Protein backbone atom coordinates (compact mmCIF):
# COMPACT_ATOMS: atom_id res chain seq x y z
CA MET A 1 0.01 0.05 0.07
CA THR A 2 2.84 2.35 -0.63
CA GLY A 3 2.07 5.74 -1.79
CA LYS A 4 -1.50 5.53 -0.52
CA THR A 5 -2.91 8.23 1.70
CA ASN A 6 -5.53 7.28 4.60
CA CYS A 7 -8.42 8.38 2.38
CA ASP A 8 -7.43 5.98 -0.42
CA CYS A 9 -8.35 2.94 1.65
CA CYS A 10 -11.00 4.57 4.02
CA VAL A 11 -14.60 3.41 4.01
CA TYR A 12 -16.08 6.86 3.63
CA TYR A 13 -13.99 7.81 0.81
CA VAL A 14 -16.44 6.82 -2.09
CA TYR A 15 -16.55 7.61 -5.81
CA ASP A 16 -19.47 10.28 -6.87
CA GLU A 17 -20.48 9.22 -10.28
CA GLU A 18 -22.45 12.51 -10.61
CA TYR A 19 -19.39 14.75 -10.06
CA CYS A 20 -16.76 12.15 -11.54
CA CYS A 21 -14.66 12.39 -8.61
CA TYR A 22 -13.73 10.82 -5.08
CA GLU A 23 -15.36 12.51 -1.90
CA CYS A 24 -15.52 12.13 1.91
CA GLU A 25 -18.78 11.27 3.30
CA VAL A 26 -17.99 12.08 6.64
CA ASN A 27 -19.70 15.56 7.77
CA LEU A 28 -16.61 17.70 8.23
CA ASP A 29 -16.47 20.82 9.84
CA GLU A 30 -14.84 23.99 8.36
CA ASP A 31 -11.26 23.41 9.60
CA GLU A 32 -11.51 19.84 8.91
CA MET A 33 -12.46 20.34 5.36
CA VAL A 34 -9.75 22.76 4.63
CA LYS A 35 -7.25 20.38 5.75
CA PHE A 36 -8.63 17.62 3.48
CA MET A 37 -8.86 20.03 0.46
CA LYS A 38 -5.13 20.90 0.97
CA ASN A 39 -4.32 17.22 1.30
CA SER A 40 -2.70 17.77 4.90
CA PHE A 41 -5.25 15.44 6.63
CA ASP A 42 -2.70 12.97 7.76
CA ASP A 43 -4.33 11.49 10.89
CA CYS A 44 -7.93 11.42 10.37
CA PRO A 45 -10.07 10.75 13.54
CA TYR A 46 -12.80 9.27 11.19
CA PHE A 47 -10.56 6.81 9.23
CA ARG A 48 -11.87 3.17 9.00
CA PHE A 49 -10.13 0.84 6.84
CA TYR A 50 -12.18 -0.74 3.96
CA ASP A 51 -11.93 -4.24 4.10
CA GLU A 52 -14.09 -5.93 1.42
CA TYR A 53 -13.26 -9.35 2.71
CA LYS A 54 -14.49 -8.96 6.17
CA THR A 55 -17.81 -10.45 5.25
CA VAL A 56 -16.43 -13.53 3.59
CA ARG A 57 -14.12 -14.29 6.55
CA LYS A 58 -17.22 -14.34 9.08
CA GLN A 59 -18.57 -16.94 6.90
CA ILE A 60 -15.81 -19.56 7.05
């Protein structure tokens, strides 16, 4: 996972087909949004790793 930021593998970072771009679905306040827009949001308190195989592991 070299070269990826926290946002790239976060549950809340989803692709919006209407605007053709990725966006954060967390309701950020003004200061957090400025950090996000400047790509200086290194340690996001809302980060949750997106694990698409989590459900499969529970079935086994």
